[in-house]
Protein backbone atom coordinates (compact mmCIF):
# COMPACT_ATOMS: atom_id res chain seq x y z
CA MET A 1 0.00 0.00 0.00
CA PRO A 2 2.77 2.57 0.76
CA ASP A 3 4.31 1.84 -2.66
CA LEU A 4 0.92 2.48 -4.28
CA LYS A 5 0.56 5.80 -2.43
CA LEU A 6 4.10 6.78 -3.48
CA GLN A 7 3.34 5.85 -7.07
CA ASN A 8 0.15 7.94 -7.02
CA HIS A 9 2.07 10.86 -5.49
CA GLU A 10 4.73 10.71 -8.20
CA GLU A 11 2.04 10.50 -10.87
CA ILE A 12 0.37 13.63 -9.48
CA ARG A 13 3.75 15.38 -9.26
CA ARG A 14 4.44 14.72 -12.94
CA ALA A 15 0.97 15.86 -13.97
CA PHE A 16 1.30 18.98 -11.79
CA ALA A 17 4.68 19.84 -13.29
CA GLU A 18 3.30 19.49 -16.82
CA ASN A 19 0.28 21.64 -15.98
CA GLU A 20 2.47 24.26 -14.25
CA ARG A 21 4.73 24.40 -17.30
CA ASP A 22 1.84 25.23 -19.62
CA VAL A 23 0.39 27.83 -17.24
CA TRP A 24 3.85 29.26 -16.51
CA ILE A 25 4.61 29.82 -20.20
CA ARG A 26 1.29 31.56 -20.69
CA ASN A 27 1.84 33.81 -17.65
CA PHE A 28 5.46 34.39 -18.66
CA ARG A 29 4.35 35.87 -21.97
CA ALA A 30 1.85 38.10 -20.16
CA ALA A 31 4.59 39.28 -17.74
CA SER A 32 6.91 40.02 -20.69
CA ILE A 33 4.27 42.19 -22.34
CA LEU A 34 3.59 44.09 -19.09
CA ALA A 35 7.30 44.73 -18.52
CA PHE A 36 7.65 45.72 -22.18
CA ILE A 37 4.93 48.36 -21.67
CA PHE A 38 5.89 49.68 -18.21
CA MET A 39 9.62 50.09 -18.82
CA PRO A 40 9.19 52.86 -21.47
CA ALA A 41 6.26 54.24 -19.48
CA GLY A 42 8.70 54.93 -16.63
CA SER A 43 10.18 57.73 -18.71
CA SER A 44 7.58 60.04 -17.16
CA LEU A 45 9.31 59.45 -13.82
CA ASP A 46 12.67 60.21 -15.41
CA TRP A 47 11.31 63.54 -16.69
CA PHE A 48 10.35 64.73 -13.23
CA VAL A 49 13.15 63.17 -11.14
CA TYR A 50 16.22 63.10 -13.41
CA ARG A 51 15.40 65.37 -16.33
CA PRO A 52 19.01 65.74 -17.51
CA LYS A 53 19.15 61.96 -17.84
CA PHE A 54 15.79 61.71 -19.63
CA VAL A 55 17.11 60.89 -23.11
CA GLU A 56 19.82 58.52 -21.86
CA PHE A 57 17.40 56.67 -19.60
CA PHE A 58 14.74 56.52 -22.33
CA GLU A 59 17.26 54.81 -24.59
CA LEU A 60 18.09 52.32 -21.81
CA ARG A 61 14.39 51.62 -21.31
CA LEU A 62 13.95 50.97 -25.04
CA VAL A 63 16.89 48.55 -25.03
CA CYS A 64 15.35 46.72 -22.06
CA SER A 65 11.97 46.55 -23.84
CA ALA A 66 13.68 45.14 -26.92
CA PHE A 67 15.20 42.33 -24.85
CA LEU A 68 11.82 41.68 -23.20
CA LEU A 69 10.15 41.47 -26.61
CA PHE A 70 12.80 38.98 -27.73
CA ILE A 71 12.33 36.60 -24.78
CA TRP A 72 8.53 36.97 -25.19
CA TRP A 73 9.03 35.38 -28.63
CA PHE A 74 11.86 33.04 -27.65
CA VAL A 75 9.80 31.16 -25.03
CA THR A 76 7.45 29.97 -27.80
CA THR A 77 10.30 28.21 -29.64
CA PRO A 78 11.22 24.57 -28.84
CA LEU A 79 14.56 25.67 -27.36
CA GLY A 80 12.94 28.34 -25.22
CA ALA A 81 10.18 25.97 -24.07
CA ARG A 82 12.84 23.49 -22.90
CA HIS A 83 14.66 26.13 -20.85
CA TYR A 84 11.62 28.04 -19.61
CA ARG A 85 12.89 27.99 -15.98
CA ILE A 86 16.08 29.83 -16.92
CA LEU A 87 14.03 32.36 -18.87
CA GLY A 88 12.00 32.85 -15.70
CA TRP A 89 15.17 34.04 -13.97
CA ILE A 90 16.22 36.24 -16.90
CA LEU A 91 12.85 38.02 -17.26
CA PRO A 92 12.96 39.87 -13.86
CA ALA A 93 16.75 40.25 -14.18
CA LEU A 94 16.37 42.50 -17.23
CA PRO A 95 14.36 45.34 -15.61
CA THR A 96 16.35 44.83 -12.40
CA PHE A 97 19.63 45.33 -14.27
CA PHE A 98 18.47 48.46 -16.11
CA ILE A 99 16.89 49.98 -12.97
CA SER A 100 20.13 49.26 -11.04
CA LEU A 101 22.08 50.85 -13.89
CA MET A 102 19.98 54.01 -13.60
CA ILE A 103 20.57 53.98 -9.82
CA TYR A 104 24.30 53.69 -10.46
CA LYS A 105 24.23 56.60 -12.95
CA THR A 106 22.33 58.90 -10.58
CA THR A 107 22.42 59.22 -6.80
CA GLY A 108 23.18 55.62 -5.84
CA ALA A 109 21.72 54.59 -2.49
CA GLU A 110 19.71 57.82 -2.29
CA SER A 111 17.94 57.14 -5.61
CA PRO A 112 14.18 56.59 -5.19
CA TYR A 113 14.35 54.08 -8.04
CA TYR A 114 15.02 51.30 -5.53
CA ALA A 115 11.21 51.22 -5.27
CA GLY A 116 11.16 49.90 -8.84
CA LEU A 117 13.05 46.85 -7.63
CA ASN A 118 10.30 46.20 -5.08
CA LEU A 119 7.77 46.39 -7.89
CA VAL A 120 9.80 43.89 -9.94
CA LEU A 121 9.82 41.44 -7.02
CA LEU A 122 6.14 41.82 -6.22
CA GLY A 123 4.86 41.96 -9.81
CA ALA A 124 6.85 38.97 -11.02
CA ALA A 125 5.93 36.94 -7.93
CA ILE A 126 2.22 37.58 -8.51
CA ILE A 127 2.19 36.82 -12.25
CA LEU A 128 4.85 34.11 -12.54
CA ARG A 129 4.42 30.75 -10.81
CA TRP A 130 7.66 30.71 -8.85
CA THR A 131 8.88 27.75 -6.87
CA LEU A 132 10.94 28.24 -3.71
CA LEU A 133 14.16 27.95 -5.75
CA ASP A 134 12.94 30.44 -8.38
CA SER A 135 11.99 33.05 -5.79
CA LEU A 136 15.34 32.68 -3.97
CA ILE A 137 17.32 33.10 -7.21
CA VAL A 138 15.37 36.19 -8.26
CA PHE A 139 15.61 37.67 -4.75
CA LEU A 140 19.40 37.23 -4.82
CA GLU A 141 19.54 38.79 -8.32
CA VAL A 142 17.74 41.93 -7.10
CA MET A 143 19.80 42.26 -3.91
CA LEU A 144 23.15 41.72 -5.64
CA LEU A 145 22.44 44.14 -8.50
CA TYR A 146 21.19 46.80 -6.09
CA LEU A 147 24.20 46.42 -3.80
CA ALA A 148 26.53 46.59 -6.81
CA ALA A 149 24.82 49.76 -8.03
CA CYS A 150 25.18 51.38 -4.60
CA PHE A 151 28.78 50.34 -3.94
CA PHE A 152 30.12 51.31 -7.37
CA SER A 153 28.18 54.55 -7.64
CA LYS A 154 30.36 57.71 -7.38
CA ALA A 155 27.50 60.00 -6.46
CA PRO A 156 28.09 61.95 -3.22
CA LEU A 157 25.78 60.93 -0.38
CA THR A 158 24.39 63.36 2.19
CA ASP A 159 23.32 60.60 4.55
CA PRO A 160 24.70 57.31 3.16
CA HIS A 161 23.98 55.08 6.12
CA ASN A 162 20.34 55.97 6.62
CA SER A 163 19.38 55.83 2.92
CA PHE A 164 21.33 52.67 2.17
CA PHE A 165 20.16 50.63 5.17
CA ASN A 166 16.61 51.90 4.76
CA ASN A 167 16.46 50.74 1.14
CA VAL A 168 18.20 47.42 1.81
CA TYR A 169 15.86 46.71 4.69
CA PHE A 170 12.73 47.24 2.62
CA LEU A 171 14.14 45.25 -0.29
CA PHE A 172 15.08 42.42 2.07
CA VAL A 173 11.67 42.35 3.78
CA THR A 174 9.93 42.43 0.40
CA GLY A 175 12.15 39.58 -0.80
CA VAL A 176 11.46 37.48 2.31
CA PHE A 177 7.71 37.96 1.87
CA VAL A 178 7.98 37.04 -1.79
CA VAL A 179 10.03 33.88 -1.08
CA ILE A 180 7.78 32.67 1.75
CA GLY A 181 4.59 33.64 -0.07
CA SER A 182 5.69 31.92 -3.28
CA HIS A 183 6.52 28.76 -1.34
CA PHE A 184 3.16 28.51 0.42
CA TYR A 185 1.26 29.57 -2.67
CA ASN A 186 3.03 26.81 -4.61
CA LEU A 187 2.03 24.25 -1.94
CA LEU A 188 -1.55 25.49 -2.05
CA ARG A 189 -1.64 25.16 -5.85
CA PHE A 190 -0.28 21.63 -5.59
CA ARG A 191 -2.92 20.60 -3.02
CA GLU A 192 -5.68 22.08 -5.15
CA PHE A 193 -4.32 20.39 -8.28
CA ALA A 194 -3.93 17.05 -6.46
CA PHE A 195 -7.53 17.27 -5.24
CA ARG A 196 -8.84 18.03 -8.73
CA TYR A 197 -6.59 15.36 -10.25
CA GLU A 198 -7.84 12.68 -7.86
CA LEU A 199 -11.42 13.84 -8.42
CA ASP A 200 -11.05 13.67 -12.20
CA LYS A 201 -9.32 10.31 -11.93
CA SER A 202 -12.11 8.94 -9.74
CA LYS A 203 -14.66 10.32 -12.19
CA ARG A 204 -12.90 8.62 -15.12
CA GLU A 205 -12.73 5.35 -13.18
CA VAL A 206 -16.44 5.57 -12.41
CA GLU A 207 -17.21 6.29 -16.07
CA THR A 208 -15.00 3.39 -17.17
CA SER A 209 -16.66 1.13 -14.61
CA ASN A 210 -20.10 2.22 -15.81
CA ALA A 211 -19.08 1.60 -19.43
CA LYS A 212 -17.83 -1.90 -18.55
CA LEU A 213 -21.00 -2.54 -16.58
CA ALA A 214 -23.08 -1.41 -19.55
CA GLU A 215 -21.09 -3.75 -21.83
CA GLN A 216 -21.62 -6.59 -19.38
CA ASN A 217 -25.35 -5.84 -19.28
CA ILE A 218 -25.48 -5.87 -23.07
CA ALA A 219 -23.58 -9.16 -23.16
CA LEU A 220 -25.89 -10.59 -20.47
CA ASN A 221 -29.00 -9.51 -22.37
CA ARG A 222 -27.55 -10.99 -25.55
CA ALA A 223 -26.81 -14.24 -23.72
CA ASN A 224 -30.36 -14.30 -22.32
CA ARG A 225 -31.79 -13.79 -25.79
CA GLU A 226 -29.60 -16.54 -27.19
CA ILE A 227 -30.65 -18.87 -24.38
CA LYS A 228 -34.32 -18.13 -25.06
CA GLU A 229 -33.76 -18.57 -28.79
CA THR A 230 -31.96 -21.86 -28.26
CA GLU A 231 -34.68 -22.98 -25.89
CA MET A 232 -37.41 -22.18 -28.40
CA GLN A 233 -35.45 -23.86 -31.17
CA LEU A 234 -35.09 -26.93 -28.99
CA VAL A 235 -38.82 -26.82 -28.36
CA GLN A 236 -39.41 -26.43 -32.08
CA SER A 237 -37.03 -29.28 -32.84
CA GLU A 238 -38.71 -31.46 -30.24
CA LYS A 239 -42.10 -30.63 -31.71
CA LEU A 240 -40.87 -31.54 -35.17
CA ALA A 241 -39.29 -34.72 -33.85
CA SER A 242 -42.51 -35.63 -32.03
CA LEU A 243 -44.50 -34.79 -35.13
CA GLY A 244 -42.16 -36.93 -37.14
CA ARG A 245 -42.57 -39.92 -34.79
CA MET A 246 -46.32 -39.48 -34.71
CA SER A 247 -46.51 -39.00 -38.45
CA ALA A 248 -44.59 -42.19 -39.08
CA GLY A 249 -47.43 -44.18 -37.55
CA MET A 250 -50.13 -41.99 -39.08
CA ILE A 251 -48.59 -42.16 -42.52
CA HIS A 252 -48.42 -45.96 -42.28
CA GLU A 253 -52.06 -46.11 -41.24
CA ILE A 254 -53.11 -43.69 -44.00
CA ASN A 255 -51.06 -45.43 -46.69
CA ASN A 256 -52.80 -48.78 -46.17
CA PRO A 257 -56.30 -47.43 -46.96
CA LEU A 258 -54.83 -45.41 -49.80
CA ASN A 259 -53.32 -48.55 -51.28
CA PHE A 260 -56.67 -50.33 -50.94
CA ALA A 261 -58.39 -47.35 -52.57
CA THR A 262 -55.83 -47.27 -55.40
CA THR A 263 -56.29 -51.00 -56.01
CA GLY A 264 -60.04 -50.62 -55.90
CA LEU A 265 -59.93 -47.73 -58.37
CA PHE A 266 -57.84 -49.86 -60.72
CA THR A 267 -60.41 -52.63 -60.50
CA LEU A 268 -63.32 -50.22 -60.96
CA ARG A 269 -61.71 -48.76 -64.06
CA LYS A 270 -61.43 -52.27 -65.56
CA LYS A 271 -65.05 -52.99 -64.68
CA GLY A 272 -66.24 -49.80 -66.35
CA LYS A 273 -66.23 -51.41 -69.75
CA TYR A 274 -69.20 -53.57 -68.66
CA LEU A 275 -71.43 -50.52 -68.13
CA ALA A 276 -73.89 -49.36 -70.71
CA PRO A 277 -72.27 -47.02 -73.26
CA GLU A 278 -74.40 -44.04 -72.16
CA GLN A 279 -73.13 -44.43 -68.54
CA GLN A 280 -69.46 -44.85 -69.28
CA ALA A 281 -68.72 -41.12 -69.80
CA ASP A 282 -70.12 -40.08 -66.40
CA TYR A 283 -68.53 -43.11 -64.79
CA ALA A 284 -65.09 -42.27 -66.21
CA GLU A 285 -65.35 -38.62 -65.07
CA ILE A 286 -66.33 -39.60 -61.53
CA LEU A 287 -63.57 -42.19 -61.42
CA LYS A 288 -61.04 -39.59 -62.60
CA ASP A 289 -62.07 -37.18 -59.83
CA VAL A 290 -61.69 -39.89 -57.20
CA GLU A 291 -58.27 -40.88 -58.55
CA GLU A 292 -57.10 -37.22 -58.47
CA GLY A 293 -58.32 -36.90 -54.87
CA VAL A 294 -56.48 -40.02 -53.80
CA SER A 295 -53.36 -38.90 -55.64
CA ARG A 296 -53.52 -35.54 -53.89
CA VAL A 297 -53.81 -37.22 -50.49
CA LYS A 298 -50.76 -39.37 -51.32
CA THR A 299 -48.79 -36.24 -52.33
CA ILE A 300 -49.69 -34.46 -49.09
CA VAL A 301 -48.69 -37.50 -47.06
CA SER A 302 -45.39 -37.62 -48.96
CA ASP A 303 -44.75 -33.90 -48.26
CA LEU A 304 -45.56 -34.39 -44.59
CA ARG A 305 -43.14 -37.31 -44.36
CA MET A 306 -40.41 -35.21 -45.97
CA PHE A 307 -41.11 -32.05 -43.94
CA THR A 308 -41.02 -33.84 -40.59
CA HIS A 309 -38.00 -35.97 -41.44
CA PRO A 310 -35.51 -35.75 -38.53
CA ASP A 311 -32.45 -35.46 -40.81
CA THR A 312 -31.68 -31.72 -41.10
CA GLU A 313 -27.95 -31.94 -41.83
CA GLN A 314 -28.04 -33.77 -45.16
CA ARG A 315 -27.65 -31.44 -48.14
CA ASP A 316 -28.44 -32.25 -51.72
CA ARG A 317 -28.98 -30.58 -55.04
CA VAL A 318 -32.59 -29.51 -54.55
CA ALA A 319 -34.90 -28.53 -57.39
CA VAL A 320 -36.34 -25.10 -56.61
CA GLY A 321 -39.63 -25.90 -58.35
CA GLU A 322 -40.25 -28.87 -56.04
CA VAL A 323 -39.56 -26.79 -52.93
CA VAL A 324 -41.91 -24.01 -54.03
CA ALA A 325 -44.66 -26.51 -54.92
CA ALA A 326 -44.36 -28.23 -51.53
CA ALA A 327 -44.46 -24.94 -49.61
CA LEU A 328 -47.53 -23.78 -51.55
CA ARG A 329 -49.34 -27.04 -50.84
CA PHE A 330 -48.90 -26.45 -47.09
CA LEU A 331 -50.43 -22.97 -47.45
CA ASN A 332 -52.97 -23.78 -50.14
CA ASN A 333 -55.96 -23.33 -47.85
CA GLU A 334 -54.88 -19.86 -46.67
CA GLY A 335 -54.03 -18.48 -50.10
CA LYS A 336 -56.66 -20.19 -52.22
CA ASP A 337 -58.96 -17.73 -54.02
CA LYS A 338 -57.61 -14.90 -51.79
CA VAL A 339 -54.16 -14.16 -53.10
CA GLN A 340 -52.80 -14.15 -56.64
CA PHE A 341 -49.60 -16.20 -56.89
CA GLU A 342 -47.16 -15.45 -59.70
CA MET A 343 -44.25 -17.74 -60.62
CA ASP A 344 -41.08 -16.92 -62.52
CA LEU A 345 -38.77 -19.88 -61.97
CA PRO A 346 -36.23 -20.90 -64.63
CA ALA A 347 -36.25 -24.53 -65.66
CA GLY A 348 -33.62 -26.62 -63.93
CA GLN A 349 -32.83 -24.12 -61.16
CA THR A 350 -31.27 -25.89 -58.18
CA ILE A 351 -30.04 -25.04 -54.70
CA TRP A 352 -27.44 -26.93 -52.66
CA ALA A 353 -29.23 -27.20 -49.30
CA ASN A 354 -31.32 -29.40 -47.06
CA LYS A 355 -34.67 -29.82 -48.76
CA ASN A 356 -36.69 -30.07 -45.54
CA MET A 357 -35.13 -26.94 -44.08
CA LEU A 358 -35.50 -25.03 -47.35
CA ILE A 359 -39.22 -25.84 -47.41
CA HIS A 360 -39.37 -24.64 -43.80
CA VAL A 361 -37.78 -21.29 -44.71
CA LEU A 362 -39.92 -20.73 -47.80
CA THR A 363 -43.08 -21.68 -45.87
CA ASN A 364 -42.22 -19.10 -43.20
CA LEU A 365 -41.65 -16.36 -45.80
CA LEU A 366 -44.89 -17.17 -47.65
CA GLN A 367 -46.81 -17.34 -44.37
CA ASN A 368 -45.50 -13.89 -43.41
CA SER A 369 -46.52 -12.52 -46.81
CA LEU A 370 -50.05 -13.93 -46.47
CA ASP A 371 -50.39 -12.56 -42.93
CA ALA A 372 -49.21 -9.13 -44.08
CA LEU A 373 -51.58 -9.09 -47.06
CA HIS A 374 -54.53 -9.77 -44.74
CA THR A 375 -53.77 -6.52 -42.85
CA LYS A 376 -53.83 -4.25 -45.92
CA THR A 377 -56.90 -2.82 -47.60
CA PHE A 378 -56.70 -3.11 -51.40
CA THR A 379 -58.64 -0.97 -53.87
CA ASP A 380 -57.04 -0.79 -57.32
CA GLU A 381 -54.91 -3.92 -57.08
CA LYS A 382 -55.30 -7.47 -55.86
CA PRO A 383 -53.22 -9.10 -53.10
CA ALA A 384 -50.35 -10.82 -54.85
CA VAL A 385 -47.25 -12.86 -54.06
CA ARG A 386 -44.56 -13.27 -56.69
CA ILE A 387 -41.96 -16.02 -56.42
CA ALA A 388 -39.01 -15.56 -58.78
CA GLY A 389 -35.70 -17.34 -59.22
CA ARG A 390 -32.47 -16.95 -61.14
CA MET A 391 -28.95 -18.38 -61.29
CA GLU A 392 -25.75 -16.35 -61.69
CA ASP A 393 -22.17 -17.67 -61.55
CA GLY A 394 -22.96 -20.71 -59.42
CA VAL A 395 -25.28 -18.76 -57.12
CA SER A 396 -28.99 -19.48 -56.94
CA PHE A 397 -31.41 -16.68 -56.00
CA LEU A 398 -35.00 -17.11 -54.83
CA THR A 399 -37.18 -14.04 -54.22
CA VAL A 400 -40.52 -13.77 -52.42
CA HIS A 401 -42.25 -10.46 -53.21
CA ASP A 402 -45.63 -9.30 -51.91
CA ASN A 403 -47.55 -6.04 -52.37
CA GLY A 404 -48.48 -5.84 -48.71
CA PRO A 405 -47.88 -3.03 -46.19
CA GLY A 406 -44.11 -3.59 -46.08
CA ILE A 407 -41.88 -3.19 -43.02
CA ALA A 408 -41.48 0.06 -41.10
CA ALA A 409 -37.97 1.55 -41.17
CA GLU A 410 -37.60 1.41 -37.38
CA HIS A 411 -38.24 -2.37 -37.45
CA LEU A 412 -35.77 -3.34 -40.17
CA ASP A 413 -32.83 -3.93 -37.83
CA LYS A 414 -34.93 -6.12 -35.52
CA ILE A 415 -36.79 -8.47 -37.86
CA TYR A 416 -34.28 -11.32 -37.33
CA ASP A 417 -34.23 -10.91 -33.54
CA PRO A 418 -35.83 -13.79 -31.63
CA PHE A 419 -39.33 -13.01 -30.30
CA PHE A 420 -39.62 -9.74 -32.21
CA THR A 421 -43.04 -9.49 -33.85
CA THR A 422 -45.52 -6.81 -34.87
CA LYS A 423 -48.41 -9.27 -34.88
CA ASP A 424 -51.09 -9.26 -32.23
CA VAL A 425 -50.78 -11.47 -29.17
CA GLY A 426 -51.50 -15.06 -30.04
CA GLU A 427 -50.81 -14.64 -33.77
CA GLY A 428 -47.06 -15.27 -33.69
CA MET A 429 -44.08 -15.73 -31.38
CA GLY A 430 -41.55 -13.82 -33.48
CA LEU A 431 -39.37 -16.88 -34.17
CA GLY A 432 -40.10 -17.53 -37.86
CA LEU A 433 -37.57 -15.14 -39.38
CA SER A 434 -35.05 -15.77 -36.60
CA ILE A 435 -35.08 -19.54 -37.29
CA SER A 436 -35.11 -18.96 -41.04
CA TYR A 437 -32.09 -16.66 -40.75
CA ARG A 438 -30.16 -19.30 -38.82
CA ILE A 439 -31.09 -22.06 -41.29
CA VAL A 440 -30.00 -19.94 -44.26
CA ARG A 441 -26.67 -18.97 -42.64
CA GLU A 442 -25.91 -22.58 -41.69
CA ALA A 443 -26.43 -23.55 -45.33
CA ASN A 444 -23.79 -20.99 -46.50
CA GLY A 445 -26.60 -18.77 -47.72
CA GLU A 446 -27.66 -15.16 -47.34
CA ILE A 447 -31.04 -13.59 -46.67
CA SER A 448 -31.81 -9.94 -47.39
CA VAL A 449 -34.86 -7.72 -47.50
CA LYS A 450 -36.06 -4.75 -49.53
CA THR A 451 -39.19 -2.90 -48.57
CA GLU A 452 -41.15 0.29 -49.04
CA PRO A 453 -43.74 0.90 -46.33
CA GLY A 454 -47.25 0.78 -47.74
CA LYS A 455 -46.15 -0.70 -51.09
CA PHE A 456 -44.18 -3.93 -50.97
CA CYS A 457 -41.82 -6.27 -49.14
CA GLU A 458 -39.28 -8.53 -50.85
CA PHE A 459 -37.08 -11.20 -49.27
CA THR A 460 -34.21 -12.64 -51.32
CA LEU A 461 -32.54 -15.98 -50.54
CA GLU A 462 -29.06 -16.54 -51.93
CA PHE A 463 -27.57 -20.05 -51.92
CA PRO A 464 -24.82 -21.98 -53.69
CA ALA A 465 -26.38 -23.72 -56.67
CA THR A 466 -24.13 -26.78 -56.54
CA GLU A 467 -21.87 -28.64 -54.11
CA ALA A 468 -18.79 -27.21 -55.86
CA ALA A 469 -20.09 -23.65 -55.42
CA ALA A 470 -20.77 -24.36 -51.73
CA LYS A 471 -17.21 -25.64 -51.19
CA THR A 472 -15.76 -22.59 -52.97
CA LYS A 473 -17.76 -20.22 -50.77
CA THR A 474 -16.67 -22.06 -47.62
CA GLU A 475 -13.00 -21.94 -48.66
CA ASN A 476 -13.23 -18.21 -49.43
CA ALA A 477 -14.83 -17.51 -46.05
CA GLU A 478 -12.09 -19.47 -44.23
CA SER A 479 -9.32 -17.63 -46.13
CA LEU A 480 -10.84 -14.29 -45.13
CA ARG A 481 -10.89 -15.32 -41.46
CA LEU A 482 -7.22 -16.28 -41.67
């Protein structure tokens, strides 16, 4: 723990030093400008106190201002910024030197210009951010230059002891106040900075913690959704498996009567030739209707066996026409005489996928289209669903387009989320598109949607057309991951 406190203290020290440097340079430039202005302005004092020296002193003040202007610029250079502490000692030394020079050239210790040295100490201490070392160095500069000016001055003194010790005393007291004040002011600035630094650091830690907590909440919500989705998919799979087991027995029981009926129809057709000629036409038509009904029942039973087959991993080259026909048979009752179906499927179009799962996906899309069409009021057009297909460069496309109400823009990024639905309670669980999306992705396919609210909605399925195309797509995906 002590090491941690020491480390934090050193970190604050470094940050404080960097902050003080930036503030110091800014204040240094302000102090340079003030000194640049006040040095020539002191010529008014020269006019009243030492008029014979007015021109000479004005020239000295201009030279001092020129130096001040130079260091005002020099501190902004990289070299000056690196040696800003030394410049902090030079800045007050310039007016101190020229004021001491004017003291030397006039009445020495009796010159009232010693007051200007007090102003240099006080003004620089207030504007510049001196450390204890800085204030001591500047204080020594002022005292040494003033003492030199007094000792080397040849001006006669009427009362040398009183004037000299009076001026030295006030300069010394001013210097002591400046040194002590700068030291405590520096400590106060450090405490204030440390408090704000720790406060900002704590605030950043809290914000970081909140951000991590928010990320964890998002991950937890995502995990919960995935668990619910998996659970519902397991339920769906179990239902399909149960339906498959139940259908196996039902299909066997249904097939036996169908076989008897088929045999009986064959016999009845042979016996028809014994009827009177005027009865044979009606007899043949009735017999044809019965045969078509039995054949339709056999087709539905065959579709049910295929749709509930437990094998969902096997993939084959599936004829798109067969898949569309099977899906429409499952929805025939809902769409019959209510919706106009349009087909545009090229001959021989195939998809490399699991046939059962593909029927499942297409049935879901068609069911959604029919449900959407029921919610729209039509006037000039009729409810319609258009199923179109095409093949391009080994890729097979299948599109389901309806002229229903479409999908609102704010719902587009949620339609594949589990349990998201705009249907009324009891009309859907919001799993159809979610399951379809997963089935399509697992088959190396893509599903996309185009829609214009109030006009249409169009889902496009994109699959490899052949096994070779599927392998190529898988290899390309793996190379991209690497």
